[in-house]
Amino acid sequence: MLVKDQLHNVLDISSVPNRIVSLVPSQTELLVDLGLEDQIVGVTKFCVHPVALRKAKVVVGGTKNVDFAKISALQPDIIICNKEENTQEMVVALRALAPVWVSDIYSLEDALGMIRGLGKLFNLSKVAEKIADNILQKSVEFQESMQKVPKRKVAYVIWKNPWMLAGRNTFINNLLALNNFENIIEDKSSRYPEVSIELLKTVDVVLLSSEPFPFSEKDRLALKNTLETKVCLVDGEYFSWYGSRLKNAFAYFKTIH
């Protein structure tokens, strides 16, 4: 069968893939929720959900660097990647081992498309549609509840030394907008710019993400004292994981307003 990934690459798959290597943590969790845990043979060290998965599967590396020999030995039928989380060089090299399905996600709509796309790939469209519909319904209900919440200018911080923010051209920015947060970064093409601490003083609230830098309460208090503005710790998985974790994201978002 012929299937397209989100980069519009056409994959010629002879049968439904049965041996999966997933190199994207949020998509690994989705594959499990689709009922494919037994078919997953390889994951990354960052595939932390479900918790016990890494002990049961072969860990093939990180999201930017993998052990190609390990992946080859697993004889995968399909390798699941993402344009941002995995490098182009990796994807090109992996195609010599197995078909590679790549997601490309900047919005909730893209995330729902990814869920449905993987559902089609694995002949699980009904299950995928149920997950996508559940997320969409919760998103609509959340946006209705946010109509009377005033907009606030925010900085979504992902790193320190140097300070780095989530920019406009990111999935995180789309979820910030759904929360009525206005990103302090104005450049529409920006991804993860470095900024001065002075810029952080110009926002209504600073959001310190739990990933990729593991900001702590100590970091929050120190930055709050420096900036003299509101600083909050937020769960980065709910802002950046674009798989089935989104089912619980909107309930979480209600707790931070």
Foldseek 3Di string as FASTA:
>chain_A
DWAAAAVRDIDDAPDQWQAEAEQDQLVVLQCVLLVNLVNYAEYAPPNCPPPCSPVVHHHQYHQADGNQVVVLVSQGQEYEHEPPSYDPVVQVVCVVRYHYHYAYDQELVSLLVNLCRVCVSNVNNVSSVVLSVLLVVLLVVLLVVCPPPEAWEEFEFADVPFTKTAAQRHHLNNVCVSLNYHYLHDPNPDGIDGDDLVSRLPTQEYEYECPPPNDDPVNLVVSCVVNVHHYYYDHVCLRHSSHSVSSCSSVRSVVVD
